[in-house]
N, C-alpha and C. Protein backbone atom coordinates (compact mmCIF):
# COMPACT_ATOMS: atom_id res chain seq x y z
N UNK A 1 176.76 -236.57 59.02
CA UNK A 1 176.38 -235.79 57.68
C UNK A 1 174.83 -235.98 57.26
N UNK A 2 174.63 -236.72 57.82
CA UNK A 2 172.54 -237.14 57.74
C UNK A 2 172.20 -236.04 58.43
N UNK A 3 172.76 -235.51 59.62
CA UNK A 3 171.98 -234.62 60.32
C UNK A 3 172.32 -233.16 59.58
N UNK A 4 173.53 -232.94 59.04
CA UNK A 4 173.79 -231.78 58.37
C UNK A 4 172.71 -231.74 57.06
N UNK A 5 172.68 -232.72 56.41
CA UNK A 5 171.75 -232.58 55.42
C UNK A 5 170.43 -232.23 55.67
N UNK A 6 169.96 -232.73 56.71
CA UNK A 6 168.63 -232.54 57.16
C UNK A 6 168.43 -231.19 57.70
N UNK A 7 169.34 -230.54 58.24
CA UNK A 7 169.62 -229.20 58.83
C UNK A 7 169.24 -228.36 57.62
N UNK A 8 170.00 -228.58 56.38
CA UNK A 8 170.08 -227.77 55.28
C UNK A 8 168.79 -227.91 54.71
N UNK A 9 168.12 -228.95 54.44
CA UNK A 9 166.53 -229.10 53.99
C UNK A 9 165.66 -228.34 54.75
N UNK A 10 165.59 -228.26 56.05
CA UNK A 10 164.82 -227.43 56.77
C UNK A 10 164.95 -226.08 56.63
N UNK A 11 166.17 -225.65 56.43
CA UNK A 11 166.87 -224.32 56.48
C UNK A 11 166.51 -223.94 54.99
N UNK A 12 166.62 -224.55 53.87
CA UNK A 12 165.92 -224.18 52.69
C UNK A 12 164.50 -224.08 52.39
N UNK A 13 163.90 -224.69 53.11
CA UNK A 13 162.12 -224.80 52.69
C UNK A 13 161.41 -223.32 52.79
N UNK A 14 161.81 -222.46 53.52
CA UNK A 14 161.42 -221.15 53.57
C UNK A 14 161.70 -220.37 52.28
N UNK A 15 162.99 -220.75 52.09
CA UNK A 15 163.19 -220.15 50.55
C UNK A 15 162.67 -220.58 49.53
N UNK A 16 162.35 -221.94 49.58
CA UNK A 16 161.64 -222.36 48.38
C UNK A 16 160.46 -222.15 48.49
N UNK A 17 159.55 -221.82 49.69
CA UNK A 17 158.21 -221.52 49.56
C UNK A 17 158.09 -219.91 49.26
N UNK A 18 159.18 -219.19 49.82
CA UNK A 18 159.16 -217.94 49.14
C UNK A 18 159.21 -217.53 47.75
N UNK A 19 160.21 -218.36 46.98
CA UNK A 19 160.30 -218.43 45.94
C UNK A 19 159.12 -218.90 45.01
N UNK A 20 158.35 -220.07 45.50
CA UNK A 20 156.97 -220.18 45.02
C UNK A 20 155.93 -219.45 44.91
N UNK A 21 155.84 -218.61 46.23
CA UNK A 21 154.70 -217.57 46.21
C UNK A 21 155.04 -216.50 45.30
N UNK A 22 156.33 -216.17 44.93
CA UNK A 22 156.49 -214.81 44.18
C UNK A 22 156.86 -215.54 42.69
N UNK A 23 156.47 -216.58 42.40
CA UNK A 23 156.85 -217.04 40.85
C UNK A 23 155.78 -216.44 40.06
N UNK A 24 156.18 -216.30 38.79
CA UNK A 24 155.18 -215.77 37.70
C UNK A 24 153.86 -216.52 37.87
N UNK A 25 152.74 -215.76 37.92
CA UNK A 25 151.62 -216.46 37.79
C UNK A 25 151.08 -217.20 36.44
N UNK A 26 151.46 -216.52 35.30
CA UNK A 26 151.36 -217.40 34.27
C UNK A 26 152.43 -217.55 33.42
N UNK A 27 152.53 -218.34 32.56
CA UNK A 27 153.55 -218.77 31.73
C UNK A 27 153.37 -218.62 30.47
N UNK A 28 154.33 -218.55 29.42
CA UNK A 28 154.14 -218.50 28.02
C UNK A 28 154.16 -219.94 27.83
N UNK A 29 153.30 -220.22 26.64
CA UNK A 29 153.35 -221.84 26.15
C UNK A 29 152.39 -222.64 26.90
N UNK A 30 151.63 -221.71 28.08
CA UNK A 30 150.63 -222.51 28.85
C UNK A 30 149.49 -221.77 28.84
N UNK A 31 149.67 -220.50 29.43
CA UNK A 31 148.23 -219.61 29.64
C UNK A 31 147.95 -218.55 28.39
N UNK A 32 149.34 -218.25 27.84
CA UNK A 32 149.63 -217.62 26.59
C UNK A 32 150.69 -217.93 25.81
N UNK A 33 150.56 -217.55 24.44
CA UNK A 33 151.52 -217.88 23.47
C UNK A 33 152.20 -216.64 22.73
N UNK A 34 153.23 -216.68 22.36
CA UNK A 34 154.15 -215.84 21.95
C UNK A 34 153.67 -216.13 20.21
N UNK A 35 153.30 -214.75 19.54
CA UNK A 35 152.95 -214.83 18.09
C UNK A 35 154.60 -215.14 17.50
N UNK A 36 154.59 -216.17 16.58
CA UNK A 36 155.58 -216.36 15.80
C UNK A 36 156.16 -215.18 15.07
N UNK A 37 155.08 -214.22 14.59
CA UNK A 37 155.17 -213.06 13.86
C UNK A 37 154.60 -211.78 14.68
N UNK A 38 155.68 -210.82 15.23
CA UNK A 38 154.63 -209.92 16.13
C UNK A 38 153.98 -208.86 14.97
N UNK A 39 152.74 -208.57 15.25
CA UNK A 39 152.28 -207.54 14.66
C UNK A 39 152.25 -206.14 15.07
N UNK A 40 152.44 -205.04 14.16
CA UNK A 40 152.57 -203.85 14.29
C UNK A 40 151.40 -203.03 15.33
N UNK A 41 151.37 -202.45 15.91
CA UNK A 41 150.11 -201.82 16.85
C UNK A 41 149.86 -200.62 16.07
N UNK A 42 148.47 -199.92 16.75
CA UNK A 42 148.40 -198.55 15.93
C UNK A 42 149.19 -197.42 16.31
N UNK A 43 149.44 -197.74 18.01
CA UNK A 43 150.24 -196.84 18.38
C UNK A 43 151.43 -197.20 19.35
N UNK A 44 152.54 -196.69 19.59
CA UNK A 44 153.40 -197.09 20.05
C UNK A 44 153.55 -196.40 21.64
N UNK A 45 152.63 -195.52 21.52
CA UNK A 45 152.48 -194.69 23.07
C UNK A 45 151.39 -195.56 24.22
N UNK A 46 151.02 -196.36 23.74
CA UNK A 46 150.08 -197.62 24.43
C UNK A 46 150.13 -198.86 24.31
N UNK A 47 149.82 -199.71 25.00
CA UNK A 47 149.91 -201.11 25.12
C UNK A 47 148.53 -201.66 24.43
N UNK A 48 148.62 -202.06 23.41
CA UNK A 48 147.50 -202.34 22.65
C UNK A 48 146.79 -203.75 22.95
N UNK A 49 145.39 -203.83 23.56
CA UNK A 49 144.90 -205.18 23.81
C UNK A 49 143.72 -205.20 22.87
N UNK A 50 143.97 -206.38 21.93
CA UNK A 50 142.84 -206.56 20.87
C UNK A 50 141.80 -207.83 21.10
N UNK A 51 140.53 -207.97 21.35
CA UNK A 51 139.61 -208.80 21.12
C UNK A 51 139.13 -209.47 20.17
N UNK A 52 139.57 -210.69 19.34
CA UNK A 52 138.85 -211.07 18.26
C UNK A 52 137.72 -211.85 18.72
N UNK A 53 136.55 -211.34 17.94
CA UNK A 53 135.39 -211.96 18.37
C UNK A 53 134.28 -212.40 17.22
N UNK A 54 133.31 -213.16 17.49
CA UNK A 54 132.49 -213.17 16.26
C UNK A 54 131.01 -213.32 17.09
N UNK A 55 130.12 -212.33 16.78
CA UNK A 55 128.85 -212.33 17.55
C UNK A 55 128.23 -214.19 17.39
N UNK A 56 128.50 -214.76 16.33
CA UNK A 56 127.65 -216.08 16.54
C UNK A 56 128.08 -217.03 17.33
N UNK A 57 129.51 -216.45 18.22
CA UNK A 57 130.05 -217.51 19.01
C UNK A 57 129.52 -217.29 20.53
N UNK A 58 129.23 -218.60 21.01
CA UNK A 58 128.81 -218.53 22.59
C UNK A 58 129.61 -218.23 23.47
N UNK A 59 130.96 -218.40 23.12
CA UNK A 59 132.04 -218.28 24.07
C UNK A 59 132.23 -216.92 24.15
N UNK A 60 132.29 -215.87 23.13
CA UNK A 60 132.57 -214.88 22.73
C UNK A 60 131.16 -214.00 23.69
N UNK A 61 129.95 -214.46 23.71
CA UNK A 61 129.02 -213.88 24.03
C UNK A 61 129.15 -214.27 25.93
N UNK A 62 129.68 -215.13 26.28
CA UNK A 62 130.00 -215.28 27.86
C UNK A 62 131.00 -214.70 28.26
N UNK A 63 132.14 -214.28 27.29
CA UNK A 63 133.33 -213.38 28.06
C UNK A 63 133.28 -211.95 28.04
N UNK A 64 131.87 -211.44 27.36
CA UNK A 64 131.48 -210.08 27.33
C UNK A 64 131.32 -209.33 28.63
N UNK A 65 130.58 -210.23 29.50
CA UNK A 65 130.68 -209.27 31.01
C UNK A 65 131.95 -208.92 31.39
N UNK A 66 133.05 -210.09 31.45
CA UNK A 66 134.21 -209.98 31.89
C UNK A 66 134.91 -208.77 31.11
N UNK A 67 134.87 -208.96 29.98
CA UNK A 67 135.34 -207.50 29.17
C UNK A 67 134.93 -206.39 29.71
N UNK A 68 133.63 -206.13 29.78
CA UNK A 68 132.89 -204.87 30.17
C UNK A 68 133.32 -204.58 31.52
N UNK A 69 133.40 -205.43 32.41
CA UNK A 69 134.05 -205.22 33.60
C UNK A 69 135.39 -204.57 33.83
N UNK A 70 136.22 -205.20 33.03
CA UNK A 70 137.70 -205.14 32.64
C UNK A 70 137.84 -203.62 32.32
N UNK A 71 136.84 -203.16 31.33
CA UNK A 71 137.27 -201.86 30.71
C UNK A 71 136.75 -200.73 31.85
N UNK A 72 136.00 -201.01 32.86
CA UNK A 72 135.65 -199.99 33.91
C UNK A 72 136.96 -199.68 34.38
N UNK A 73 137.63 -200.52 34.48
CA UNK A 73 138.87 -199.95 35.35
C UNK A 73 140.05 -200.18 34.75
N UNK A 74 140.39 -200.24 33.12
CA UNK A 74 141.15 -200.04 32.21
C UNK A 74 142.30 -199.10 32.59
N UNK A 75 143.71 -199.48 32.75
CA UNK A 75 144.56 -198.48 32.87
C UNK A 75 144.52 -197.52 31.48
N UNK A 76 144.89 -196.43 31.79
CA UNK A 76 145.11 -195.31 30.99
C UNK A 76 146.23 -195.53 29.68
N UNK A 77 147.15 -196.43 30.15
CA UNK A 77 148.10 -196.54 29.38
C UNK A 77 147.79 -197.82 28.09
N UNK A 78 146.54 -198.29 28.14
CA UNK A 78 146.14 -199.56 27.33
C UNK A 78 145.00 -199.18 26.50
N UNK A 79 145.13 -199.27 25.33
CA UNK A 79 144.24 -199.13 24.19
C UNK A 79 143.45 -200.30 23.83
N UNK A 80 142.23 -200.13 24.00
CA UNK A 80 141.42 -201.66 23.66
C UNK A 80 140.75 -201.60 22.56
N UNK A 81 140.93 -202.65 21.71
CA UNK A 81 140.40 -202.88 20.28
C UNK A 81 139.53 -204.01 20.02
N UNK A 82 138.25 -203.75 19.58
CA UNK A 82 137.20 -205.25 19.21
C UNK A 82 137.93 -205.20 17.82
N UNK A 83 137.81 -206.57 17.37
CA UNK A 83 138.27 -206.72 15.91
C UNK A 83 137.29 -208.13 15.80
N UNK A 84 136.16 -207.84 14.80
CA UNK A 84 135.20 -209.05 14.52
C UNK A 84 136.24 -210.07 13.60
N UNK A 85 136.46 -211.39 14.06
CA UNK A 85 137.10 -212.00 13.14
C UNK A 85 136.57 -212.60 12.19
N UNK A 86 137.09 -213.06 11.04
CA UNK A 86 136.67 -213.54 9.69
C UNK A 86 137.54 -214.83 9.36
N UNK A 87 136.97 -215.95 9.90
CA UNK A 87 137.78 -217.17 9.81
C UNK A 87 136.94 -218.13 8.58
N UNK A 88 135.87 -217.32 7.82
CA UNK A 88 135.10 -218.11 6.70
C UNK A 88 134.03 -217.01 6.35
N UNK A 89 133.84 -217.42 4.92
CA UNK A 89 132.71 -216.37 4.14
C UNK A 89 131.44 -216.18 5.08
N UNK A 90 130.87 -217.23 6.00
CA UNK A 90 129.99 -217.15 6.87
C UNK A 90 130.04 -215.98 7.92
N UNK A 91 131.10 -215.66 8.20
CA UNK A 91 131.53 -214.56 9.22
C UNK A 91 131.46 -213.24 8.83
N UNK A 92 131.54 -213.14 7.66
CA UNK A 92 131.48 -211.78 7.03
C UNK A 92 130.36 -210.78 7.42
N UNK A 93 129.21 -211.22 7.36
CA UNK A 93 127.85 -210.41 7.29
C UNK A 93 128.04 -209.91 8.89
N UNK A 94 128.15 -210.53 9.93
CA UNK A 94 128.26 -209.95 11.14
C UNK A 94 129.63 -209.06 11.48
N UNK A 95 130.53 -209.36 10.64
CA UNK A 95 131.53 -208.36 10.86
C UNK A 95 131.31 -206.94 10.12
N UNK A 96 130.38 -207.20 9.07
CA UNK A 96 129.95 -206.00 8.47
C UNK A 96 129.15 -205.10 9.38
N UNK A 97 128.36 -205.98 10.07
CA UNK A 97 127.63 -205.19 10.82
C UNK A 97 127.98 -204.67 11.96
N UNK A 98 129.26 -205.04 12.33
CA UNK A 98 129.96 -204.44 13.38
C UNK A 98 130.40 -202.97 13.25
N UNK A 99 131.04 -203.26 11.68
CA UNK A 99 131.61 -201.92 11.20
C UNK A 99 130.63 -201.00 10.61
N UNK A 100 129.42 -201.24 10.34
CA UNK A 100 128.45 -200.61 10.17
C UNK A 100 127.67 -199.70 11.34
N UNK A 101 127.57 -200.34 11.95
CA UNK A 101 127.52 -199.78 13.46
C UNK A 101 128.69 -198.54 14.00
N UNK A 102 129.63 -199.33 13.75
CA UNK A 102 130.77 -198.17 14.18
C UNK A 102 130.79 -197.11 13.30
N UNK A 103 130.38 -197.18 12.12
CA UNK A 103 130.39 -195.91 11.46
C UNK A 103 129.41 -194.93 11.62
N UNK A 104 128.30 -195.84 11.98
CA UNK A 104 126.88 -194.97 12.08
C UNK A 104 126.91 -194.42 13.56
N UNK A 105 127.78 -194.77 14.51
CA UNK A 105 128.08 -194.06 15.89
C UNK A 105 127.04 -194.95 16.80
N UNK A 106 126.60 -196.02 16.61
CA UNK A 106 125.58 -196.72 17.23
C UNK A 106 125.83 -197.91 17.99
N UNK A 107 127.06 -198.06 17.89
CA UNK A 107 127.89 -199.53 18.56
C UNK A 107 127.05 -199.61 19.77
N UNK A 108 126.91 -198.52 20.65
CA UNK A 108 126.61 -198.69 22.05
C UNK A 108 124.97 -199.25 22.10
N UNK A 109 124.52 -199.11 21.08
CA UNK A 109 122.94 -199.92 21.00
C UNK A 109 123.14 -201.29 20.40
N UNK A 110 124.07 -201.25 19.29
CA UNK A 110 123.87 -202.51 18.99
C UNK A 110 124.72 -203.91 19.31
N UNK A 111 125.95 -203.28 19.91
CA UNK A 111 126.93 -204.37 20.27
C UNK A 111 126.44 -205.53 21.55
N UNK A 112 125.78 -205.29 22.48
CA UNK A 112 125.25 -205.91 23.52
C UNK A 112 123.97 -206.58 22.81
N UNK A 113 123.37 -205.84 22.44
CA UNK A 113 121.72 -206.19 21.72
C UNK A 113 122.24 -207.42 20.41
N UNK A 114 123.21 -207.23 19.72
CA UNK A 114 123.42 -208.17 18.89
C UNK A 114 123.76 -209.81 19.47
N UNK A 115 124.65 -209.63 20.51
CA UNK A 115 124.88 -210.73 21.39
C UNK A 115 123.63 -211.32 21.78
N UNK A 116 122.80 -210.64 22.31
CA UNK A 116 121.63 -210.90 23.31
C UNK A 116 120.53 -211.45 22.28
N UNK A 117 120.27 -210.95 20.95
CA UNK A 117 119.61 -211.10 19.85
C UNK A 117 119.77 -212.87 19.69
N UNK A 118 121.24 -212.93 19.37
CA UNK A 118 121.52 -214.38 19.02
C UNK A 118 121.52 -215.47 19.93
N UNK A 119 122.12 -215.25 21.07
CA UNK A 119 122.31 -216.03 21.92
C UNK A 119 121.01 -216.01 23.09
N UNK A 120 120.36 -215.18 23.63
CA UNK A 120 119.48 -215.06 24.55
C UNK A 120 117.95 -215.25 23.77
N UNK A 121 117.70 -214.77 22.65
CA UNK A 121 116.75 -214.59 22.10
C UNK A 121 116.32 -215.80 20.86
N UNK A 122 117.82 -216.39 20.60
CA UNK A 122 117.79 -217.42 19.60
C UNK A 122 117.74 -216.99 18.31
N UNK A 123 117.66 -215.85 18.03
CA UNK A 123 117.42 -215.70 16.61
C UNK A 123 118.51 -215.59 15.65
N UNK A 124 118.35 -216.36 14.44
CA UNK A 124 119.57 -216.32 13.80
C UNK A 124 119.59 -215.05 12.91
N UNK A 125 120.66 -214.49 12.80
CA UNK A 125 121.14 -213.18 11.99
C UNK A 125 122.27 -213.57 10.91
N UNK A 126 121.92 -213.82 9.61
CA UNK A 126 123.06 -214.30 8.86
C UNK A 126 123.13 -213.65 7.58
N UNK A 127 122.55 -212.79 7.50
CA UNK A 127 122.41 -212.10 5.98
C UNK A 127 122.07 -210.38 6.17
N UNK A 128 122.15 -209.93 4.96
CA UNK A 128 121.91 -208.20 4.95
C UNK A 128 120.49 -208.14 5.40
N UNK A 129 119.44 -208.68 4.69
CA UNK A 129 118.09 -208.33 5.10
C UNK A 129 117.84 -208.53 6.91
N UNK A 130 118.37 -209.63 7.20
CA UNK A 130 118.01 -210.04 8.41
C UNK A 130 118.85 -208.63 9.17
N UNK A 131 120.05 -208.24 8.96
CA UNK A 131 120.53 -207.22 9.67
C UNK A 131 120.01 -206.23 9.60
N UNK A 132 119.42 -205.67 8.31
CA UNK A 132 118.55 -204.42 8.11
C UNK A 132 117.67 -204.42 9.27
N UNK A 133 116.68 -205.32 9.03
CA UNK A 133 115.89 -205.33 10.01
C UNK A 133 116.08 -205.27 11.65
N UNK A 134 117.17 -205.77 11.78
CA UNK A 134 118.03 -205.44 13.15
C UNK A 134 118.19 -204.15 13.51
N UNK A 135 118.87 -203.63 12.67
CA UNK A 135 119.22 -202.07 12.64
C UNK A 135 118.10 -201.43 12.69
N UNK A 136 117.31 -201.27 11.81
CA UNK A 136 115.90 -200.58 11.88
C UNK A 136 115.08 -200.72 12.95
N UNK A 137 115.12 -201.75 13.63
CA UNK A 137 114.46 -202.06 14.90
C UNK A 137 114.90 -201.46 16.02
N UNK A 138 116.26 -200.81 15.79
CA UNK A 138 117.14 -200.11 16.92
C UNK A 138 117.11 -198.45 16.51
N UNK A 139 116.17 -198.18 15.59
CA UNK A 139 116.19 -196.65 15.25
C UNK A 139 116.88 -196.22 14.06
N UNK A 140 117.54 -197.13 13.44
CA UNK A 140 118.55 -196.73 12.32
C UNK A 140 117.71 -196.80 10.82
N UNK A 141 117.79 -195.71 10.03
CA UNK A 141 116.83 -195.98 8.97
C UNK A 141 117.48 -196.98 8.10
N UNK A 142 116.17 -197.52 7.10
CA UNK A 142 116.83 -198.55 6.48
C UNK A 142 117.78 -197.92 5.24
N UNK A 143 117.68 -196.61 4.81
CA UNK A 143 118.61 -196.02 3.67
C UNK A 143 119.98 -195.86 4.28
N UNK A 144 120.00 -195.37 5.79
CA UNK A 144 121.65 -195.28 6.25
C UNK A 144 122.11 -196.58 6.63
N UNK A 145 121.37 -197.81 6.77
CA UNK A 145 121.96 -199.04 7.01
C UNK A 145 122.41 -199.45 5.60
N UNK A 146 121.75 -199.36 4.62
CA UNK A 146 122.20 -199.90 3.28
C UNK A 146 123.13 -199.26 2.77
N UNK A 147 123.31 -197.61 2.69
CA UNK A 147 124.40 -197.05 2.34
C UNK A 147 125.46 -197.27 3.01
N UNK A 148 125.52 -197.38 4.74
CA UNK A 148 126.60 -197.68 5.03
C UNK A 148 127.31 -199.20 5.13
N UNK A 149 126.47 -200.24 5.12
CA UNK A 149 126.59 -201.43 4.98
C UNK A 149 127.26 -201.69 3.77
N UNK A 150 126.89 -201.39 2.74
CA UNK A 150 127.54 -201.52 1.49
C UNK A 150 128.66 -200.29 0.93
N UNK A 151 129.07 -199.61 1.87
CA UNK A 151 129.98 -198.58 1.53
C UNK A 151 131.72 -199.26 1.47
N UNK A 152 132.44 -198.30 0.80
CA UNK A 152 133.73 -198.47 0.39
C UNK A 152 134.58 -198.52 1.88
N UNK A 153 134.01 -197.74 2.80
CA UNK A 153 134.57 -197.73 4.10
C UNK A 153 134.60 -199.18 4.72
N UNK A 154 133.01 -199.65 4.83
CA UNK A 154 133.21 -200.94 5.46
C UNK A 154 133.94 -202.18 4.80
N UNK A 155 133.85 -202.10 3.43
CA UNK A 155 134.73 -203.05 2.67
C UNK A 155 136.15 -203.00 3.05
N UNK A 156 136.84 -201.69 3.16
CA UNK A 156 138.16 -201.55 3.67
C UNK A 156 138.28 -202.29 5.03
N UNK A 157 137.28 -201.95 5.73
CA UNK A 157 137.56 -202.49 7.42
C UNK A 157 137.23 -203.73 7.42
N UNK A 158 136.55 -204.43 6.59
CA UNK A 158 136.29 -205.98 6.37
C UNK A 158 137.24 -206.59 6.20
N UNK A 159 137.76 -206.14 4.93
CA UNK A 159 139.29 -206.41 4.55
C UNK A 159 140.62 -206.52 5.49
N UNK A 160 140.67 -205.44 6.11
CA UNK A 160 141.57 -205.43 7.30
C UNK A 160 141.46 -206.36 8.06
N UNK A 161 140.25 -206.63 9.01
CA UNK A 161 139.79 -207.83 9.76
C UNK A 161 140.16 -209.18 9.47
N UNK A 162 139.75 -209.44 7.96
CA UNK A 162 140.19 -210.70 7.31
C UNK A 162 141.84 -210.88 7.39
N UNK A 163 142.48 -209.98 6.90
CA UNK A 163 144.11 -209.98 6.93
C UNK A 163 144.65 -209.86 8.27
N UNK A 164 144.23 -209.41 9.41
CA UNK A 164 144.48 -209.38 10.61
C UNK A 164 144.50 -210.53 11.28
N UNK A 165 143.05 -211.10 11.00
CA UNK A 165 142.54 -212.48 11.39
C UNK A 165 143.80 -213.52 11.08
N UNK A 166 143.96 -213.31 9.79
CA UNK A 166 145.04 -214.20 9.18
C UNK A 166 146.30 -214.17 9.78
N UNK A 167 146.75 -212.93 10.07
CA UNK A 167 148.06 -212.41 10.67
C UNK A 167 148.53 -212.81 11.94
N UNK A 168 147.41 -212.80 12.88
CA UNK A 168 147.58 -213.06 14.21
C UNK A 168 147.31 -214.73 14.33
N UNK A 169 146.97 -215.67 13.11
CA UNK A 169 147.22 -217.08 13.07
C UNK A 169 146.29 -217.73 14.23
N UNK A 170 145.20 -217.16 14.30
CA UNK A 170 144.24 -217.54 15.11
C UNK A 170 143.49 -218.72 14.73
N UNK A 171 142.94 -219.34 15.78
CA UNK A 171 142.17 -220.45 14.93
C UNK A 171 140.75 -220.84 15.42
N UNK A 172 140.49 -220.02 16.32
CA UNK A 172 139.09 -219.63 17.00
C UNK A 172 138.93 -218.45 17.85
N UNK A 173 137.71 -218.08 18.44
CA UNK A 173 137.46 -217.01 19.16
C UNK A 173 136.66 -217.60 20.19
N UNK A 174 136.70 -216.61 21.34
CA UNK A 174 137.31 -215.49 21.30
C UNK A 174 138.88 -215.63 21.65
N UNK A 175 139.97 -214.60 21.10
CA UNK A 175 141.32 -214.54 21.12
C UNK A 175 141.63 -213.36 21.66
N UNK A 176 142.62 -212.93 22.55
CA UNK A 176 142.87 -211.69 22.78
C UNK A 176 144.33 -211.58 22.31
N UNK A 177 144.82 -210.52 21.83
CA UNK A 177 146.11 -210.41 21.39
C UNK A 177 146.59 -208.99 22.17
N UNK A 178 147.90 -209.36 22.82
CA UNK A 178 148.13 -208.22 23.74
C UNK A 178 149.77 -207.81 23.18
N UNK A 179 149.61 -206.17 22.82
CA UNK A 179 150.44 -205.47 21.97
C UNK A 179 151.25 -206.36 20.88
N UNK A 180 150.39 -206.89 20.08
CA UNK A 180 151.03 -207.39 18.92
C UNK A 180 151.84 -208.73 19.24
N UNK A 181 152.14 -208.83 20.25
CA UNK A 181 153.15 -209.90 20.65
C UNK A 181 152.68 -211.41 21.08
N UNK A 182 151.33 -211.06 22.04
CA UNK A 182 151.10 -212.57 22.50
C UNK A 182 149.76 -212.78 22.27
N UNK A 183 149.12 -214.17 22.18
CA UNK A 183 147.89 -214.51 22.00
C UNK A 183 147.48 -215.32 23.32
N UNK A 184 146.22 -215.06 23.71
CA UNK A 184 145.67 -215.89 25.06
C UNK A 184 144.05 -215.84 24.45
N UNK A 185 143.72 -216.71 25.37
CA UNK A 185 142.15 -216.96 25.15
C UNK A 185 141.72 -217.93 26.77
N UNK A 186 140.48 -217.95 26.66
CA UNK A 186 139.87 -218.55 28.04
C UNK A 186 140.26 -220.14 28.04
N UNK A 187 140.34 -220.58 26.92
CA UNK A 187 140.81 -221.93 26.89
C UNK A 187 142.20 -222.17 27.54
N UNK A 188 142.99 -221.45 26.88
CA UNK A 188 144.30 -221.53 27.05
C UNK A 188 144.73 -221.13 28.63
N UNK A 189 143.99 -219.99 29.30
CA UNK A 189 143.91 -219.59 30.61
C UNK A 189 143.38 -220.51 31.61
N UNK A 190 142.14 -221.02 31.28
CA UNK A 190 141.35 -221.97 32.24
C UNK A 190 139.98 -221.64 32.35
N UNK A 191 139.50 -220.16 32.25
CA UNK A 191 138.58 -219.77 32.39
C UNK A 191 138.30 -218.06 32.01
N UNK A 192 137.22 -217.48 31.71
CA UNK A 192 137.32 -216.27 31.50
C UNK A 192 138.08 -215.25 32.68
N UNK A 193 137.64 -215.73 33.85
CA UNK A 193 138.61 -214.87 35.13
C UNK A 193 139.82 -214.99 34.92
N UNK A 194 140.47 -216.00 34.49
CA UNK A 194 141.84 -215.98 34.55
C UNK A 194 142.36 -215.40 33.11
N UNK A 195 141.52 -215.40 32.32
CA UNK A 195 142.05 -215.07 31.00
C UNK A 195 142.47 -213.12 31.32
N UNK A 196 141.18 -212.57 32.03
CA UNK A 196 141.42 -211.26 32.36
C UNK A 196 142.90 -210.91 33.24
N UNK A 197 143.09 -211.79 34.05
CA UNK A 197 144.33 -212.29 34.95
C UNK A 197 145.59 -212.12 33.88
N UNK A 198 145.41 -212.89 32.69
CA UNK A 198 146.68 -213.24 32.03
C UNK A 198 146.69 -211.71 31.05
N UNK A 199 145.38 -211.24 30.58
CA UNK A 199 145.63 -210.08 30.01
C UNK A 199 146.35 -208.83 31.13
N UNK A 200 146.06 -208.87 32.21
CA UNK A 200 146.72 -207.53 33.27
C UNK A 200 148.25 -208.18 33.32
N UNK A 201 148.30 -209.48 33.21
CA UNK A 201 149.81 -209.92 33.37
C UNK A 201 150.82 -209.40 32.58
N UNK A 202 150.31 -209.68 31.23
CA UNK A 202 151.01 -209.33 29.91
C UNK A 202 151.22 -207.70 29.89
N UNK A 203 149.96 -207.08 30.22
CA UNK A 203 150.05 -205.63 30.11
C UNK A 203 151.15 -205.09 30.90
N UNK A 204 151.23 -205.42 32.28
CA UNK A 204 152.53 -205.49 33.44
C UNK A 204 153.70 -205.66 32.78
N UNK A 205 153.83 -206.81 32.15
CA UNK A 205 155.10 -207.24 31.51
C UNK A 205 155.53 -206.16 30.40
N UNK A 206 154.64 -205.87 29.38
CA UNK A 206 154.89 -204.78 28.31
C UNK A 206 155.32 -203.64 29.19
N UNK A 207 154.68 -203.02 30.34
CA UNK A 207 154.86 -201.70 30.59
C UNK A 207 156.28 -201.89 31.16
N UNK A 208 156.76 -203.17 32.03
CA UNK A 208 158.18 -203.09 32.37
C UNK A 208 159.13 -202.83 31.23
N UNK A 209 158.78 -203.65 30.51
CA UNK A 209 159.75 -203.76 28.97
C UNK A 209 160.06 -202.31 28.51
N UNK A 210 158.90 -201.70 28.38
CA UNK A 210 158.84 -200.15 27.73
C UNK A 210 159.80 -199.18 28.86
N UNK A 211 159.46 -199.66 30.41
CA UNK A 211 160.09 -198.72 31.16
C UNK A 211 161.74 -199.15 31.35
N UNK A 212 161.97 -200.25 30.79
CA UNK A 212 163.63 -200.55 30.97
C UNK A 212 164.36 -199.71 30.30
N UNK A 213 163.96 -199.42 28.96
CA UNK A 213 165.42 -198.78 28.09
C UNK A 213 165.18 -197.39 28.89
N UNK A 214 164.03 -196.70 29.02
CA UNK A 214 163.86 -195.45 29.56
C UNK A 214 164.74 -195.20 30.96
N UNK A 215 164.70 -196.29 31.88
CA UNK A 215 165.49 -196.24 32.92
C UNK A 215 167.00 -196.41 32.81
N UNK A 216 167.61 -197.22 31.69
CA UNK A 216 168.81 -197.37 31.30
C UNK A 216 169.41 -196.22 30.89
N UNK A 217 168.77 -195.25 29.89
CA UNK A 217 169.13 -193.95 29.19
C UNK A 217 168.96 -192.86 30.41
N UNK A 218 168.10 -193.07 31.46
CA UNK A 218 168.52 -192.03 32.52
C UNK A 218 169.52 -192.33 33.51
N UNK A 219 170.05 -193.40 33.62
CA UNK A 219 171.16 -193.56 34.23
C UNK A 219 172.41 -193.33 33.89
N UNK A 220 172.53 -192.97 32.48
CA UNK A 220 173.73 -192.63 31.85
C UNK A 220 174.01 -191.22 32.04
């Protein structure tokens, strides 16, 4: 009886190893969490990935190169959205700066430079006056900055950012939301590199879920 048990044990080892090798690389509750209240995405035609960040956050600054590299080969069915989080009154000026740059069409000039100015050059940018100087230094007229920074369009975008920060129920940044359903971060994933892996995993998972009903309908 003991001999048979040993034979079964050795016979099962390859199957155990096979199952481990092909197990899910990331698990819910560990590297990512399911939102208690799923949020609508901008379009049902794509898988939405939202990065919530704050320019004053050093972790967001360190994540930026990984996001930039990921975007270079981002799948066509994935839409990427940057959203400045607002977790306090002090976060609003830099959120306004992001939306001001977006409306002026100069994000390609300001986004990386804002991170660099704050975290590499160690310059504090915390109010409208400092932001005006920053934008003027990049070629934006003071008049265009003032008009846009204090515009109704920016107010609407800031209010939406504040609302979504609350709806996503985040407690810190950077946080990534995948398809309005899942929340992950470098602290959950273990590293910035692993975070990119979790994003890809969740995108693949969402793609499979979307394809399943279509396959079922085709088989009828």
